[in-house]
C-alpha atoms as a PDB file:
ATOM      1  CA  MET A   1     -44.563 143.719 193.749  1.00  0.00           C
ATOM      2  CA  GLN A   2     -40.827 143.947 194.176  1.00  0.00           C
ATOM      3  CA  ARG A   3     -38.344 141.455 193.043  1.00  0.00           C
ATOM      4  CA  CYS A   4     -34.608 141.206 194.331  1.00  0.00           C
ATOM      5  CA  LEU A   5     -32.424 139.790 191.647  1.00  0.00           C
ATOM      6  CA  ALA A   6     -28.559 139.516 191.976  1.00  0.00           C
ATOM      7  CA  ALA A   7     -26.968 140.474 188.785  1.00  0.00           C
ATOM      8  CA  LEU A   8     -24.446 137.476 189.253  1.00  0.00           C
ATOM      9  CA  THR A   9     -24.923 135.384 186.255  1.00  0.00           C
ATOM     10  CA  PRO A  10     -21.859 133.248 185.100  1.00  0.00           C
ATOM     11  CA  PRO A  11     -18.803 133.938 184.948  1.00  0.00           C
ATOM     12  CA  LEU A  12     -19.283 136.049 188.123  1.00  0.00           C
ATOM     13  CA  ALA A  13     -21.780 133.786 189.751  1.00  0.00           C
ATOM     14  CA  HIS A  14     -19.943 132.607 192.820  1.00  0.00           C
ATOM     15  CA  PRO A  15     -18.003 134.632 195.568  1.00  0.00           C
ATOM     16  CA  HIS A  16     -15.094 132.165 195.283  1.00  0.00           C
ATOM     17  CA  GLU A  17     -14.760 133.038 191.645  1.00  0.00           C
ATOM     18  CA  ILE A  18     -14.383 136.758 192.614  1.00  0.00           C
ATOM     19  CA  GLN A  19     -11.831 135.968 195.010  1.00  0.00           C
ATOM     20  CA  HIS A  20      -9.925 133.819 192.483  1.00  0.00           C
ATOM     21  CA  GLU A  21      -8.782 137.205 190.837  1.00  0.00           C
ATOM     22  CA  HIS A  22      -6.376 137.647 193.747  1.00  0.00           C
ATOM     23  CA  ARG A  23      -4.953 134.306 193.354  1.00  0.00           C
ATOM     24  CA  ASP A  24      -3.680 135.209 190.064  1.00  0.00           C
ATOM     25  CA  GLY A  25      -1.543 137.731 191.732  1.00  0.00           C
ATOM     26  CA  ASN A  26       2.204 137.929 191.614  1.00  0.00           C
ATOM     27  CA  PRO A  27       3.605 136.755 195.038  1.00  0.00           C
ATOM     28  CA  ALA A  28       7.039 136.172 193.421  1.00  0.00           C
ATOM     29  CA  ALA A  29       7.172 139.907 192.723  1.00  0.00           C
ATOM     30  CA  PHE A  30       6.679 140.753 196.361  1.00  0.00           C
ATOM     31  CA  ARG A  31       9.201 138.205 197.528  1.00  0.00           C
ATOM     32  CA  TRP A  32      12.083 139.357 195.035  1.00  0.00           C
ATOM     33  CA  SER A  33      11.300 142.916 195.810  1.00  0.00           C
ATOM     34  CA  VAL A  34      11.645 142.535 199.655  1.00  0.00           C
ATOM     35  CA  LEU A  35      14.895 140.672 199.181  1.00  0.00           C
ATOM     36  CA  LEU A  36      16.385 143.192 196.860  1.00  0.00           C
ATOM     37  CA  ASN A  37      15.269 146.201 198.756  1.00  0.00           C
ATOM     38  CA  SER A  38      16.330 144.765 202.115  1.00  0.00           C
ATOM     39  CA  GLY A  39      19.957 144.263 200.611  1.00  0.00           C
ATOM     40  CA  LEU A  40      19.834 147.754 198.996  1.00  0.00           C
ATOM     41  CA  SER A  41      18.692 149.341 202.351  1.00  0.00           C
ATOM     42  CA  GLY A  42      21.446 147.755 204.380  1.00  0.00           C
ATOM     43  CA  LEU A  43      24.038 149.095 201.694  1.00  0.00           C
ATOM     44  CA  GLN A  44      22.735 152.503 201.629  1.00  0.00           C
ATOM     45  CA  LEU A  45      22.457 152.863 205.316  1.00  0.00           C
ATOM     46  CA  ALA A  46      25.874 151.566 205.876  1.00  0.00           C
ATOM     47  CA  ILE A  47      27.499 153.928 203.224  1.00  0.00           C
ATOM     48  CA  GLY A  48      25.129 156.898 204.312  1.00  0.00           C
ATOM     49  CA  ILE A  49      26.307 156.611 207.731  1.00  0.00           C
ATOM     50  CA  GLY A  50      29.867 155.880 207.111  1.00  0.00           C
ATOM     51  CA  PHE A  51      30.311 158.609 204.591  1.00  0.00           C
ATOM     52  CA  GLY A  52      28.039 161.283 206.090  1.00  0.00           C
ATOM     53  CA  SER A  53      25.225 161.478 203.551  1.00  0.00           C
ATOM     54  CA  LEU A  54      21.879 162.409 204.832  1.00  0.00           C
ATOM     55  CA  ALA A  55      20.178 162.211 201.561  1.00  0.00           C
ATOM     56  CA  LEU A  56      21.455 158.575 201.155  1.00  0.00           C
ATOM     57  CA  ILE A  57      20.283 157.752 204.677  1.00  0.00           C
ATOM     58  CA  GLY A  58      16.857 159.182 203.866  1.00  0.00           C
ATOM     59  CA  ASP A  59      16.720 157.041 200.726  1.00  0.00           C
ATOM     60  CA  ALA A  60      17.715 153.918 202.880  1.00  0.00           C
ATOM     61  CA  LEU A  61      14.909 154.745 205.374  1.00  0.00           C
ATOM     62  CA  HIS A  62      12.464 154.796 202.539  1.00  0.00           C
ATOM     63  CA  ASN A  63      13.621 151.703 201.055  1.00  0.00           C
ATOM     64  CA  LEU A  64      13.153 150.138 204.649  1.00  0.00           C
ATOM     65  CA  GLY A  65       9.537 151.596 204.414  1.00  0.00           C
ATOM     66  CA  ASP A  66       9.208 149.826 201.050  1.00  0.00           C
ATOM     67  CA  VAL A  67      10.370 146.423 202.580  1.00  0.00           C
ATOM     68  CA  ALA A  68       7.852 146.851 205.469  1.00  0.00           C
ATOM     69  CA  GLY A  69       5.135 147.960 202.962  1.00  0.00           C
ATOM     70  CA  LEU A  70       5.831 145.059 200.590  1.00  0.00           C
ATOM     71  CA  LEU A  71       5.699 142.488 203.461  1.00  0.00           C
ATOM     72  CA  LEU A  72       2.280 143.975 204.572  1.00  0.00           C
ATOM     73  CA  GLY A  73       1.283 143.855 200.857  1.00  0.00           C
ATOM     74  CA  TRP A  74       2.211 140.348 200.400  1.00  0.00           C
ATOM     75  CA  GLY A  75       0.503 139.228 203.617  1.00  0.00           C
ATOM     76  CA  ALA A  76      -2.615 141.094 202.503  1.00  0.00           C
ATOM     77  CA  GLU A  77      -2.577 139.322 199.091  1.00  0.00           C
ATOM     78  CA  GLN A  78      -2.465 136.082 200.795  1.00  0.00           C
ATOM     79  CA  LEU A  79      -5.385 137.004 203.075  1.00  0.00           C
ATOM     80  CA  SER A  80      -7.415 138.292 200.300  1.00  0.00           C
ATOM     81  CA  ALA A  81      -7.109 134.986 198.367  1.00  0.00           C
ATOM     82  CA  ARG A  82      -8.884 133.231 201.244  1.00  0.00           C
ATOM     83  CA  PRO A  83     -12.437 132.231 200.588  1.00  0.00           C
ATOM     84  CA  ALA A  84     -15.431 133.949 202.156  1.00  0.00           C
ATOM     85  CA  SER A  85     -16.567 132.501 205.615  1.00  0.00           C
ATOM     86  CA  LYS A  86     -19.823 132.588 207.690  1.00  0.00           C
ATOM     87  CA  GLN A  87     -18.176 135.224 209.793  1.00  0.00           C
ATOM     88  CA  PHE A  88     -16.559 137.196 206.822  1.00  0.00           C
ATOM     89  CA  THR A  89     -19.066 136.837 204.219  1.00  0.00           C
ATOM     90  CA  TYR A  90     -17.125 139.376 202.028  1.00  0.00           C
ATOM     91  CA  GLY A  91     -13.920 137.321 202.264  1.00  0.00           C
ATOM     92  CA  PHE A  92     -10.797 139.084 203.307  1.00  0.00           C
ATOM     93  CA  GLY A  93     -10.309 141.632 200.656  1.00  0.00           C
ATOM     94  CA  ARG A  94     -10.285 144.455 202.939  1.00  0.00           C
ATOM     95  CA  SER A  95      -7.042 143.418 204.198  1.00  0.00           C
ATOM     96  CA  THR A  96      -5.377 145.022 200.831  1.00  0.00           C
ATOM     97  CA  GLN A  97      -6.951 148.394 201.905  1.00  0.00           C
ATOM     98  CA  LEU A  98      -5.568 148.288 205.377  1.00  0.00           C
ATOM     99  CA  ALA A  99      -2.161 147.458 204.003  1.00  0.00           C
ATOM    100  CA  ALA A 100      -2.166 150.263 201.654  1.00  0.00           C
ATOM    101  CA  MET A 101      -3.074 152.501 204.611  1.00  0.00           C
ATOM    102  CA  ALA A 102      -0.143 151.195 206.507  1.00  0.00           C
ATOM    103  CA  ASN A 103       2.094 151.793 203.542  1.00  0.00           C
ATOM    104  CA  ALA A 104       1.192 155.343 203.711  1.00  0.00           C
ATOM    105  CA  ALA A 105       1.776 155.777 207.236  1.00  0.00           C
ATOM    106  CA  LEU A 106       5.202 154.306 206.924  1.00  0.00           C
ATOM    107  CA  ILE A 107       6.078 156.825 204.115  1.00  0.00           C
ATOM    108  CA  LEU A 108       4.884 159.780 206.360  1.00  0.00           C
ATOM    109  CA  MET A 109       7.000 158.532 209.251  1.00  0.00           C
ATOM    110  CA  ALA A 110      10.227 158.134 207.306  1.00  0.00           C
ATOM    111  CA  SER A 111       9.890 161.409 205.546  1.00  0.00           C
ATOM    112  CA  ALA A 112       9.505 163.236 208.907  1.00  0.00           C
ATOM    113  CA  VAL A 113      12.706 161.777 210.217  1.00  0.00           C
ATOM    114  CA  VAL A 114      14.588 162.856 207.196  1.00  0.00           C
ATOM    115  CA  ILE A 115      13.138 166.313 207.128  1.00  0.00           C
ATOM    116  CA  VAL A 116      13.999 166.984 210.916  1.00  0.00           C
ATOM    117  CA  GLU A 117      17.593 165.562 210.470  1.00  0.00           C
ATOM    118  CA  GLY A 118      18.031 167.589 207.378  1.00  0.00           C
ATOM    119  CA  LEU A 119      16.991 170.973 209.155  1.00  0.00           C
ATOM    120  CA  GLN A 120      19.685 170.176 211.785  1.00  0.00           C
ATOM    121  CA  ARG A 121      22.377 169.385 209.338  1.00  0.00           C
ATOM    122  CA  LEU A 122      21.667 172.633 207.340  1.00  0.00           C
ATOM    123  CA  ALA A 123      22.537 174.593 210.585  1.00  0.00           C
ATOM    124  CA  LYS A 124      25.658 172.360 211.062  1.00  0.00           C
ATOM    125  CA  PRO A 125      26.803 170.740 207.712  1.00  0.00           C
ATOM    126  CA  VAL A 126      28.778 167.465 207.813  1.00  0.00           C
ATOM    127  CA  GLU A 127      31.395 166.743 205.303  1.00  0.00           C
ATOM    128  CA  VAL A 128      30.148 164.193 202.795  1.00  0.00           C
ATOM    129  CA  THR A 129      32.406 161.722 200.810  1.00  0.00           C
ATOM    130  CA  ALA A 130      30.572 161.797 197.514  1.00  0.00           C
ATOM    131  CA  GLY A 131      32.006 158.856 195.435  1.00  0.00           C
ATOM    132  CA  PRO A 132      30.544 155.848 197.365  1.00  0.00           C
ATOM    133  CA  VAL A 133      27.314 157.852 197.926  1.00  0.00           C
ATOM    134  CA  ALA A 134      26.757 158.217 194.133  1.00  0.00           C
ATOM    135  CA  VAL A 135      27.484 154.598 193.488  1.00  0.00           C
ATOM    136  CA  ALA A 136      24.937 153.476 196.094  1.00  0.00           C
ATOM    137  CA  ALA A 137      22.389 155.917 194.732  1.00  0.00           C
ATOM    138  CA  PHE A 138      22.871 154.454 191.298  1.00  0.00           C
ATOM    139  CA  ILE A 139      22.498 150.913 192.524  1.00  0.00           C
ATOM    140  CA  GLY A 140      19.244 152.160 194.254  1.00  0.00           C
ATOM    141  CA  ILE A 141      18.027 153.351 190.749  1.00  0.00           C
ATOM    142  CA  LEU A 142      18.465 149.947 189.192  1.00  0.00           C
ATOM    143  CA  VAL A 143      17.154 147.877 192.117  1.00  0.00           C
ATOM    144  CA  ASN A 144      13.946 149.930 192.653  1.00  0.00           C
ATOM    145  CA  LEU A 145      13.097 150.220 188.708  1.00  0.00           C
ATOM    146  CA  GLY A 146      13.896 146.313 188.399  1.00  0.00           C
ATOM    147  CA  SER A 147      11.589 145.606 191.449  1.00  0.00           C
ATOM    148  CA  ALA A 148       8.808 147.772 190.158  1.00  0.00           C
ATOM    149  CA  ARG A 149       9.107 145.939 186.672  1.00  0.00           C
ATOM    150  CA  LEU A 150       8.553 142.548 188.447  1.00  0.00           C
ATOM    151  CA  PHE A 151       4.794 143.656 189.219  1.00  0.00           C
ATOM    152  CA  GLY A 152       4.116 143.941 185.542  1.00  0.00           C
ATOM    153  CA  HIS A 153       1.603 146.312 183.968  1.00  0.00           C
ATOM    154  CA  ASN A 154      -1.628 144.828 185.522  1.00  0.00           C
ATOM    155  CA  HIS A 155      -1.571 146.786 188.755  1.00  0.00           C
ATOM    156  CA  GLY A 156      -3.495 149.785 187.879  1.00  0.00           C
ATOM    157  CA  HIS A 157      -6.842 148.806 189.364  1.00  0.00           C
ATOM    158  CA  ASP A 158      -5.292 147.252 192.562  1.00  0.00           C
ATOM    159  CA  LEU A 159      -4.609 149.829 195.273  1.00  0.00           C
ATOM    160  CA  ASN A 160      -2.243 147.548 197.257  1.00  0.00           C
ATOM    161  CA  LYS A 161      -0.101 146.635 194.128  1.00  0.00           C
ATOM    162  CA  LYS A 162      -0.278 150.226 192.965  1.00  0.00           C
ATOM    163  CA  ALA A 163       0.970 151.274 196.442  1.00  0.00           C
ATOM    164  CA  ALA A 164       3.943 148.673 196.169  1.00  0.00           C
ATOM    165  CA  VAL A 165       4.933 149.968 192.624  1.00  0.00           C
ATOM    166  CA  PHE A 166       4.282 153.601 193.660  1.00  0.00           C
ATOM    167  CA  HIS A 167       6.818 153.097 196.580  1.00  0.00           C
ATOM    168  CA  LEU A 168       9.414 151.572 194.288  1.00  0.00           C
ATOM    169  CA  LEU A 169       9.144 154.170 191.417  1.00  0.00           C
ATOM    170  CA  THR A 170       9.096 156.996 194.048  1.00  0.00           C
ATOM    171  CA  ASP A 171      12.255 155.498 195.587  1.00  0.00           C
ATOM    172  CA  ALA A 172      13.892 155.274 192.278  1.00  0.00           C
ATOM    173  CA  ALA A 173      13.302 159.038 191.750  1.00  0.00           C
ATOM    174  CA  VAL A 174      14.614 159.720 195.123  1.00  0.00           C
ATOM    175  CA  SER A 175      17.925 157.723 194.298  1.00  0.00           C
ATOM    176  CA  ALA A 176      18.245 159.850 191.170  1.00  0.00           C
ATOM    177  CA  ALA A 177      18.132 163.010 193.222  1.00  0.00           C
ATOM    178  CA  VAL A 178      20.611 161.689 195.688  1.00  0.00           C
ATOM    179  CA  LEU A 179      22.876 160.656 192.679  1.00  0.00           C
ATOM    180  CA  VAL A 180      22.670 164.191 191.369  1.00  0.00           C
ATOM    181  CA  SER A 181      23.310 165.730 194.641  1.00  0.00           C
ATOM    182  CA  ALA A 182      26.364 163.508 195.386  1.00  0.00           C
ATOM    183  CA  LEU A 183      27.848 164.607 191.970  1.00  0.00           C
ATOM    184  CA  LEU A 184      27.311 168.189 192.650  1.00  0.00           C
ATOM    185  CA  VAL A 185      29.053 167.894 196.245  1.00  0.00           C
ATOM    186  CA  GLN A 186      31.846 165.980 194.409  1.00  0.00           C
ATOM    187  CA  PHE A 187      32.479 168.765 191.772  1.00  0.00           C
ATOM    188  CA  THR A 188      31.602 171.855 193.787  1.00  0.00           C
ATOM    189  CA  GLY A 189      32.586 170.854 197.410  1.00  0.00           C
ATOM    190  CA  ILE A 190      29.190 172.415 198.777  1.00  0.00           C
ATOM    191  CA  HIS A 191      28.418 170.013 201.355  1.00  0.00           C
ATOM    192  CA  TRP A 192      25.175 171.574 202.488  1.00  0.00           C
ATOM    193  CA  LEU A 193      23.720 170.332 199.125  1.00  0.00           C
ATOM    194  CA  ASP A 194      23.363 166.838 200.716  1.00  0.00           C
ATOM    195  CA  PRO A 195      21.076 167.786 203.582  1.00  0.00           C
ATOM    196  CA  PHE A 196      19.192 170.278 201.316  1.00  0.00           C
ATOM    197  CA  THR A 197      18.519 167.303 198.969  1.00  0.00           C
ATOM    198  CA  GLY A 198      17.374 165.255 201.867  1.00  0.00           C
ATOM    199  CA  ILE A 199      14.833 167.852 202.820  1.00  0.00           C
ATOM    200  CA  LEU A 200      13.615 167.872 199.423  1.00  0.00           C
ATOM    201  CA  VAL A 201      13.307 164.246 199.337  1.00  0.00           C
ATOM    202  CA  GLY A 202      11.562 164.121 202.526  1.00  0.00           C
ATOM    203  CA  LEU A 203       8.929 166.682 201.359  1.00  0.00           C
ATOM    204  CA  ALA A 204       8.418 164.925 198.109  1.00  0.00           C
ATOM    205  CA  VAL A 205       7.969 161.584 199.914  1.00  0.00           C
ATOM    206  CA  ALA A 206       5.530 163.130 202.514  1.00  0.00           C
ATOM    207  CA  TRP A 207       3.344 164.615 199.792  1.00  0.00           C
ATOM    208  CA  THR A 208       3.212 161.109 197.850  1.00  0.00           C
ATOM    209  CA  GLY A 209       2.364 159.575 201.178  1.00  0.00           C
ATOM    210  CA  TRP A 210      -0.354 161.918 202.004  1.00  0.00           C
ATOM    211  CA  LYS A 211      -1.944 161.303 198.648  1.00  0.00           C
ATOM    212  CA  LEU A 212      -1.866 157.634 199.169  1.00  0.00           C
ATOM    213  CA  LEU A 213      -3.254 157.909 202.724  1.00  0.00           C
ATOM    214  CA  ARG A 214      -6.052 159.970 201.686  1.00  0.00           C
ATOM    215  CA  GLN A 215      -7.101 157.684 198.882  1.00  0.00           C
ATOM    216  CA  SER A 216      -6.868 154.533 201.154  1.00  0.00           C
ATOM    217  CA  VAL A 217      -8.993 156.294 203.799  1.00  0.00           C
ATOM    218  CA  VAL A 218     -11.683 157.009 201.243  1.00  0.00           C
ATOM    219  CA  VAL A 219     -11.770 153.361 200.299  1.00  0.00           C
ATOM    220  CA  ALA A 220     -11.688 152.087 203.823  1.00  0.00           C
ATOM    221  CA  LEU A 221     -14.757 154.262 204.674  1.00  0.00           C
ATOM    222  CA  ASP A 222     -16.732 152.594 201.892  1.00  0.00           C
ATOM    223  CA  GLY A 223     -16.306 155.816 199.713  1.00  0.00           C
ATOM    224  CA  VAL A 224     -16.586 155.449 195.904  1.00  0.00           C
ATOM    225  CA  PRO A 225     -13.235 153.885 194.660  1.00  0.00           C
ATOM    226  CA  PRO A 226     -10.983 155.872 192.585  1.00  0.00           C
ATOM    227  CA  GLY A 227     -11.711 155.527 188.795  1.00  0.00           C
ATOM    228  CA  ILE A 228     -15.483 155.006 189.144  1.00  0.00           C
ATOM    229  CA  ASN A 229     -17.549 157.812 187.845  1.00  0.00           C
ATOM    230  CA  MET A 230     -20.773 157.957 189.884  1.00  0.00           C
ATOM    231  CA  GLU A 231     -22.581 160.137 187.363  1.00  0.00           C
ATOM    232  CA  ALA A 232     -21.698 157.707 184.604  1.00  0.00           C
ATOM    233  CA  VAL A 233     -23.004 154.795 186.720  1.00  0.00           C
ATOM    234  CA  GLU A 234     -26.229 156.490 187.400  1.00  0.00           C
ATOM    235  CA  THR A 235     -26.654 157.582 183.689  1.00  0.00           C
ATOM    236  CA  THR A 236     -25.825 154.047 182.488  1.00  0.00           C
ATOM    237  CA  LEU A 237     -28.433 152.497 184.707  1.00  0.00           C
ATOM    238  CA  ALA A 238     -31.100 155.027 183.938  1.00  0.00           C
ATOM    239  CA  SER A 239     -30.737 154.583 180.237  1.00  0.00           C
ATOM    240  CA  LEU A 240     -31.336 150.865 180.341  1.00  0.00           C
ATOM    241  CA  PRO A 241     -34.609 149.786 178.404  1.00  0.00           C
ATOM    242  CA  GLY A 242     -37.652 149.989 180.626  1.00  0.00           C
ATOM    243  CA  VAL A 243     -36.030 151.577 183.576  1.00  0.00           C
ATOM    244  CA  VAL A 244     -37.912 154.712 184.851  1.00  0.00           C
ATOM    245  CA  ASN A 245     -35.723 155.664 187.990  1.00  0.00           C
ATOM    246  CA  VAL A 246     -32.627 154.653 189.716  1.00  0.00           C
ATOM    247  CA  HIS A 247     -32.320 155.141 193.497  1.00  0.00           C
ATOM    248  CA  HIS A 248     -30.669 153.900 196.727  1.00  0.00           C
ATOM    249  CA  ILE A 249     -27.422 153.411 194.708  1.00  0.00           C
ATOM    250  CA  HIS A 250     -24.484 152.519 196.731  1.00  0.00           C
ATOM    251  CA  VAL A 251     -20.901 151.805 195.305  1.00  0.00           C
ATOM    252  CA  TRP A 252     -17.832 150.643 197.376  1.00  0.00           C
ATOM    253  CA  GLY A 253     -14.644 148.886 197.391  1.00  0.00           C
ATOM    254  CA  MET A 254     -14.826 145.105 198.550  1.00  0.00           C
ATOM    255  CA  SER A 255     -10.922 145.033 198.098  1.00  0.00           C
ATOM    256  CA  THR A 256      -8.435 147.236 196.413  1.00  0.00           C
ATOM    257  CA  SER A 257      -9.341 145.660 193.163  1.00  0.00           C
ATOM    258  CA  GLN A 258     -12.974 144.618 193.390  1.00  0.00           C
ATOM    259  CA  THR A 259     -15.818 147.223 193.386  1.00  0.00           C
ATOM    260  CA  ALA A 260     -19.396 146.347 194.459  1.00  0.00           C
ATOM    261  CA  LEU A 261     -22.683 148.117 193.775  1.00  0.00           C
ATOM    262  CA  THR A 262     -26.331 147.864 195.013  1.00  0.00           C
ATOM    263  CA  ALA A 263     -29.166 149.793 193.530  1.00  0.00           C
ATOM    264  CA  HIS A 264     -32.974 149.802 193.075  1.00  0.00           C
ATOM    265  CA  LEU A 265     -34.344 149.925 189.528  1.00  0.00           C
ATOM    266  CA  LEU A 266     -37.873 151.223 189.037  1.00  0.00           C
ATOM    267  CA  ARG A 267     -38.941 149.840 185.635  1.00  0.00           C
ATOM    268  CA  ASN A 268     -41.981 149.017 183.695  1.00  0.00           C
ATOM    269  CA  PRO A 269     -42.462 145.233 183.692  1.00  0.00           C
ATOM    270  CA  GLN A 270     -44.182 145.338 180.319  1.00  0.00           C
ATOM    271  CA  ALA A 271     -41.441 146.963 178.494  1.00  0.00           C
ATOM    272  CA  VAL A 272     -38.544 144.654 179.373  1.00  0.00           C
ATOM    273  CA  ASN A 273     -37.791 141.072 180.533  1.00  0.00           C
ATOM    274  CA  ASP A 274     -36.447 141.020 184.006  1.00  0.00           C
ATOM    275  CA  MET A 275     -33.472 138.583 183.167  1.00  0.00           C
ATOM    276  CA  GLU A 276     -32.592 140.600 180.087  1.00  0.00           C
ATOM    277  CA  LEU A 277     -32.567 143.767 182.149  1.00  0.00           C
ATOM    278  CA  ILE A 278     -30.325 142.284 184.632  1.00  0.00           C
ATOM    279  CA  HIS A 279     -27.968 140.842 181.895  1.00  0.00           C
ATOM    280  CA  GLN A 280     -27.669 144.265 180.194  1.00  0.00           C
ATOM    281  CA  ALA A 281     -27.183 145.977 183.531  1.00  0.00           C
ATOM    282  CA  LYS A 282     -24.343 143.710 184.577  1.00  0.00           C
ATOM    283  CA  GLN A 283     -22.572 144.123 181.325  1.00  0.00           C
ATOM    284  CA  ALA A 284     -22.671 147.894 181.372  1.00  0.00           C
ATOM    285  CA  LEU A 285     -21.566 147.927 185.050  1.00  0.00           C
ATOM    286  CA  ALA A 286     -18.658 145.642 184.197  1.00  0.00           C
ATOM    287  CA  GLU A 287     -17.595 148.190 181.553  1.00  0.00           C
ATOM    288  CA  LEU A 288     -17.464 150.850 184.212  1.00  0.00           C
ATOM    289  CA  GLY A 289     -15.361 148.704 186.520  1.00  0.00           C
ATOM    290  CA  ILE A 290     -18.030 147.209 188.858  1.00  0.00           C
ATOM    291  CA  ALA A 291     -17.737 143.537 188.839  1.00  0.00           C
ATOM    292  CA  HIS A 292     -19.989 142.655 191.761  1.00  0.00           C
ATOM    293  CA  SER A 293     -23.655 144.187 191.512  1.00  0.00           C
ATOM    294  CA  THR A 294     -27.017 143.415 193.400  1.00  0.00           C
ATOM    295  CA  LEU A 295     -30.107 145.054 191.714  1.00  0.00           C
ATOM    296  CA  GLN A 296     -33.613 145.232 193.290  1.00  0.00           C
ATOM    297  CA  LEU A 297     -36.191 145.581 190.444  1.00  0.00           C
ATOM    298  CA  GLU A 298     -39.278 147.541 191.491  1.00  0.00           C
ATOM    299  CA  ASN A 299     -42.535 147.625 189.332  1.00  0.00           C
ATOM    300  CA  LEU A 300     -44.371 150.849 188.507  1.00  0.00           C
ATOM    301  CA  PRO A 301     -47.406 151.290 190.546  1.00  0.00           C
END
């Protein structure tokens, strides 16, 4: 005899309770970050074009990517907070994964533009007025670090918020590189340092964008989410009292912050109470980062 039991005792008994975790997000962080980075992008773009700094233009383009990514992230957070429906029985949590993929694509496109323009300017350097560029870069550092701080410290398990913070911290580093470049141009008069810095910035941004895209694709294809150790999951389930074998185990991301699991547990019904086994399994899986689990219990022949 086989018995299918869902390991969803309170407080994780209802899909709406799982979705509630998204409602506790920080939409104000997205809104303020969009406003701050929109203003910063306009300032840096104007100064970069007006004073001939490709490095600052690259920083501005990356900031514009941040703005678009933050808008996508904010929209995805709103969608993920909607309850499940008859058509979308898992809810809309996957929207956060799509937003993370879009963010990565924006980073890659912006970096390509900066690298190509940088190569052209290396062949034909443009004179750069370093003073205003340095000021704009310093403002960029302050704005991006301040925006990242708005998201707090609880974004580590949410790929969408992690992507937003990653954008902002990366751009703060980019602004720091632009600041150093501007100071070197100011004191040495070597103007090719600006496009050279722009190319380095573009390569660094491209690398981070590629890593984020790869991670997002894995989650979108129902791969095991980052941070989940499958060997530990299997070992934990197999070590439960009365469990003889674990098979048909599947782990995937329901959203960028919610991980789900299904598995079959072959157990000795004389050795353990079903509900007690389910309770122990649910607790053990929660400690491993899996909040939503469905377990099918199978009796020994």
